[in-house]
Amino acid sequence: MNQRIQQLAEQARVLSDQFQEQWKAGPSTEEFFQEKFAQLIVAECAQVIFETPVEYTETDAMHRIRDRVKQHFGVEE
């Protein structure tokens, strides 16, 4: 597994563990982990798109693509 993906998985696991400690009811820890892990990956993809160097004339398209990816996956950040 790619090192960055491993870091995101670890981050999702920490969030999942914190969730479990805080809330005893609701989705299972594994469901929460999977959701957070997916959200972190999508957010990272959107950030990569946002940070990709583009010509001035392409900036609007880059913002629209980034926002569309986040919207498609329901990730707000």
N, C-alpha and C. Protein backbone atom coordinates (compact mmCIF):
# COMPACT_ATOMS: atom_id res chain seq x y z
N MET A 1 0.85 -1.17 0.00
CA MET A 1 0.00 0.00 0.00
C MET A 1 0.90 1.24 0.00
N ASN A 2 0.52 2.21 -0.78
CA ASN A 2 1.20 3.49 -0.86
C ASN A 2 1.31 4.11 0.54
N GLN A 3 2.44 4.76 0.83
CA GLN A 3 2.67 5.33 2.15
C GLN A 3 1.60 6.36 2.52
N ARG A 4 1.19 7.19 1.57
CA ARG A 4 0.17 8.21 1.88
C ARG A 4 -1.15 7.54 2.20
N ILE A 5 -1.51 6.48 1.50
CA ILE A 5 -2.75 5.77 1.79
C ILE A 5 -2.68 5.15 3.18
N GLN A 6 -1.52 4.63 3.54
CA GLN A 6 -1.35 4.09 4.89
C GLN A 6 -1.53 5.18 5.94
N GLN A 7 -1.01 6.36 5.68
CA GLN A 7 -1.18 7.48 6.61
C GLN A 7 -2.65 7.86 6.74
N LEU A 8 -3.36 7.88 5.62
CA LEU A 8 -4.79 8.20 5.66
C LEU A 8 -5.56 7.13 6.42
N ALA A 9 -5.18 5.86 6.24
CA ALA A 9 -5.84 4.77 6.96
C ALA A 9 -5.60 4.91 8.46
N GLU A 10 -4.38 5.25 8.84
CA GLU A 10 -4.07 5.45 10.25
C GLU A 10 -4.87 6.62 10.81
N GLN A 11 -4.98 7.70 10.05
CA GLN A 11 -5.76 8.85 10.47
C GLN A 11 -7.23 8.47 10.64
N ALA A 12 -7.76 7.70 9.70
CA ALA A 12 -9.15 7.25 9.80
C ALA A 12 -9.34 6.34 11.01
N ARG A 13 -8.35 5.50 11.29
CA ARG A 13 -8.44 4.60 12.45
C ARG A 13 -8.47 5.39 13.75
N VAL A 14 -7.64 6.44 13.85
CA VAL A 14 -7.64 7.29 15.05
C VAL A 14 -9.01 7.94 15.21
N LEU A 15 -9.54 8.49 14.13
CA LEU A 15 -10.87 9.11 14.19
C LEU A 15 -11.92 8.09 14.59
N SER A 16 -11.80 6.90 14.06
CA SER A 16 -12.75 5.82 14.37
C SER A 16 -12.68 5.44 15.85
N ASP A 17 -11.47 5.34 16.37
CA ASP A 17 -11.30 5.01 17.78
C ASP A 17 -11.86 6.11 18.67
N GLN A 18 -11.63 7.37 18.30
CA GLN A 18 -12.17 8.49 19.05
C GLN A 18 -13.69 8.47 19.01
N PHE A 19 -14.23 8.16 17.85
CA PHE A 19 -15.69 8.05 17.70
C PHE A 19 -16.24 6.99 18.64
N GLN A 20 -15.59 5.84 18.66
CA GLN A 20 -16.06 4.73 19.50
C GLN A 20 -16.03 5.12 20.97
N GLU A 21 -15.00 5.83 21.39
CA GLU A 21 -14.90 6.25 22.78
C GLU A 21 -15.98 7.26 23.14
N GLN A 22 -16.30 8.13 22.20
CA GLN A 22 -17.24 9.21 22.45
C GLN A 22 -18.70 8.76 22.34
N TRP A 23 -19.00 7.93 21.36
CA TRP A 23 -20.38 7.54 21.08
C TRP A 23 -20.48 6.02 21.13
N LYS A 24 -21.24 5.53 22.03
CA LYS A 24 -21.39 4.08 22.16
C LYS A 24 -22.47 3.54 21.22
N ALA A 25 -23.33 4.42 20.73
CA ALA A 25 -24.40 4.00 19.81
C ALA A 25 -24.07 4.52 18.42
N GLY A 26 -24.82 4.10 17.44
CA GLY A 26 -24.62 4.56 16.08
C GLY A 26 -23.92 3.52 15.24
N PRO A 27 -23.31 3.96 14.14
CA PRO A 27 -22.66 3.00 13.24
C PRO A 27 -21.50 2.30 13.94
N SER A 28 -21.19 1.11 13.48
CA SER A 28 -20.08 0.38 14.07
C SER A 28 -18.77 1.12 13.81
N THR A 29 -17.79 0.81 14.60
CA THR A 29 -16.47 1.42 14.43
C THR A 29 -15.93 1.14 13.03
N GLU A 30 -16.13 -0.08 12.54
CA GLU A 30 -15.62 -0.43 11.21
C GLU A 30 -16.33 0.36 10.12
N GLU A 31 -17.64 0.53 10.23
CA GLU A 31 -18.38 1.34 9.26
C GLU A 31 -17.90 2.78 9.29
N PHE A 32 -17.70 3.29 10.49
CA PHE A 32 -17.23 4.67 10.64
C PHE A 32 -15.83 4.80 10.03
N PHE A 33 -14.95 3.83 10.32
CA PHE A 33 -13.60 3.83 9.76
C PHE A 33 -13.65 3.86 8.23
N GLN A 34 -14.45 2.99 7.64
CA GLN A 34 -14.53 2.91 6.18
C GLN A 34 -15.02 4.23 5.58
N GLU A 35 -16.02 4.83 6.22
CA GLU A 35 -16.55 6.09 5.72
C GLU A 35 -15.49 7.20 5.82
N LYS A 36 -14.83 7.29 6.96
CA LYS A 36 -13.81 8.33 7.14
C LYS A 36 -12.63 8.11 6.20
N PHE A 37 -12.21 6.86 6.03
CA PHE A 37 -11.10 6.54 5.14
C PHE A 37 -11.44 6.98 3.71
N ALA A 38 -12.64 6.65 3.27
CA ALA A 38 -13.07 7.05 1.92
C ALA A 38 -13.11 8.58 1.80
N GLN A 39 -13.64 9.25 2.81
CA GLN A 39 -13.71 10.71 2.78
C GLN A 39 -12.32 11.33 2.72
N LEU A 40 -11.39 10.78 3.48
CA LEU A 40 -10.02 11.31 3.47
C LEU A 40 -9.36 11.12 2.11
N ILE A 41 -9.61 9.99 1.47
CA ILE A 41 -9.04 9.75 0.13
C ILE A 41 -9.62 10.73 -0.88
N VAL A 42 -10.93 10.92 -0.85
CA VAL A 42 -11.56 11.85 -1.79
C VAL A 42 -11.07 13.27 -1.54
N ALA A 43 -10.98 13.66 -0.28
CA ALA A 43 -10.48 15.01 0.04
C ALA A 43 -9.05 15.19 -0.45
N GLU A 44 -8.24 14.15 -0.30
CA GLU A 44 -6.86 14.20 -0.77
C GLU A 44 -6.82 14.35 -2.30
N CYS A 45 -7.69 13.62 -3.00
CA CYS A 45 -7.76 13.73 -4.47
C CYS A 45 -8.14 15.15 -4.87
N ALA A 46 -9.13 15.71 -4.19
CA ALA A 46 -9.56 17.08 -4.48
C ALA A 46 -8.42 18.06 -4.23
N GLN A 47 -7.64 17.83 -3.17
CA GLN A 47 -6.51 18.71 -2.88
C GLN A 47 -5.44 18.61 -3.96
N VAL A 48 -5.18 17.40 -4.43
CA VAL A 48 -4.20 17.21 -5.51
C VAL A 48 -4.65 17.95 -6.75
N ILE A 49 -5.93 17.84 -7.08
CA ILE A 49 -6.47 18.56 -8.24
C ILE A 49 -6.27 20.06 -8.05
N PHE A 50 -6.60 20.54 -6.85
CA PHE A 50 -6.50 21.97 -6.56
C PHE A 50 -5.06 22.46 -6.66
N GLU A 51 -4.09 21.63 -6.26
CA GLU A 51 -2.69 22.05 -6.24
C GLU A 51 -1.96 21.80 -7.56
N THR A 52 -2.64 21.20 -8.53
CA THR A 52 -2.01 20.93 -9.82
C THR A 52 -1.78 22.24 -10.56
N PRO A 53 -0.53 22.49 -10.97
CA PRO A 53 -0.25 23.74 -11.68
C PRO A 53 -1.04 23.81 -12.99
N VAL A 54 -1.65 24.94 -13.21
CA VAL A 54 -2.41 25.15 -14.45
C VAL A 54 -2.14 26.56 -14.97
N GLU A 55 -2.43 26.75 -16.22
CA GLU A 55 -2.35 28.09 -16.80
C GLU A 55 -3.51 28.92 -16.27
N TYR A 56 -3.36 30.19 -16.28
CA TYR A 56 -4.40 31.09 -15.76
C TYR A 56 -5.77 30.78 -16.37
N THR A 57 -5.79 30.50 -17.66
CA THR A 57 -7.06 30.26 -18.34
C THR A 57 -7.71 28.94 -17.90
N GLU A 58 -6.95 28.06 -17.26
CA GLU A 58 -7.47 26.76 -16.83
C GLU A 58 -7.95 26.76 -15.38
N THR A 59 -7.70 27.84 -14.66
CA THR A 59 -8.00 27.87 -13.23
C THR A 59 -9.47 27.59 -12.94
N ASP A 60 -10.36 28.19 -13.69
CA ASP A 60 -11.79 27.98 -13.44
C ASP A 60 -12.17 26.52 -13.63
N ALA A 61 -11.64 25.90 -14.66
CA ALA A 61 -11.92 24.48 -14.92
C ALA A 61 -11.40 23.62 -13.77
N MET A 62 -10.22 23.92 -13.27
CA MET A 62 -9.64 23.16 -12.16
C MET A 62 -10.54 23.25 -10.92
N HIS A 63 -11.02 24.43 -10.61
CA HIS A 63 -11.91 24.61 -9.46
C HIS A 63 -13.21 23.84 -9.65
N ARG A 64 -13.75 23.87 -10.86
CA ARG A 64 -14.99 23.14 -11.12
C ARG A 64 -14.78 21.64 -11.01
N ILE A 65 -13.66 21.13 -11.51
CA ILE A 65 -13.37 19.69 -11.42
C ILE A 65 -13.22 19.29 -9.95
N ARG A 66 -12.43 20.04 -9.20
CA ARG A 66 -12.24 19.76 -7.78
C ARG A 66 -13.58 19.73 -7.04
N ASP A 67 -14.39 20.75 -7.25
CA ASP A 67 -15.68 20.83 -6.57
C ASP A 67 -16.61 19.71 -7.01
N ARG A 68 -16.56 19.34 -8.27
CA ARG A 68 -17.41 18.26 -8.79
C ARG A 68 -17.03 16.92 -8.17
N VAL A 69 -15.72 16.65 -8.02
CA VAL A 69 -15.27 15.40 -7.39
C VAL A 69 -15.77 15.35 -5.95
N LYS A 70 -15.58 16.43 -5.21
CA LYS A 70 -16.03 16.46 -3.82
C LYS A 70 -17.55 16.30 -3.73
N GLN A 71 -18.28 16.99 -4.60
CA GLN A 71 -19.74 16.89 -4.60
C GLN A 71 -20.19 15.48 -4.93
N HIS A 72 -19.56 14.87 -5.91
CA HIS A 72 -19.92 13.53 -6.34
C HIS A 72 -19.84 12.53 -5.19
N PHE A 73 -18.81 12.67 -4.35
CA PHE A 73 -18.61 11.77 -3.23
C PHE A 73 -19.20 12.28 -1.91
N GLY A 74 -19.80 13.47 -1.94
CA GLY A 74 -20.41 14.01 -0.74
C GLY A 74 -19.41 14.39 0.33
N VAL A 75 -18.25 14.88 -0.09
CA VAL A 75 -17.21 15.28 0.84
C VAL A 75 -17.12 16.80 0.87
N GLU A 76 -17.34 17.36 2.03
CA GLU A 76 -17.22 18.80 2.21
C GLU A 76 -16.00 19.08 3.07
N GLU A 77 -15.10 19.87 2.55
CA GLU A 77 -13.90 20.23 3.32
C GLU A 77 -13.28 21.45 2.75
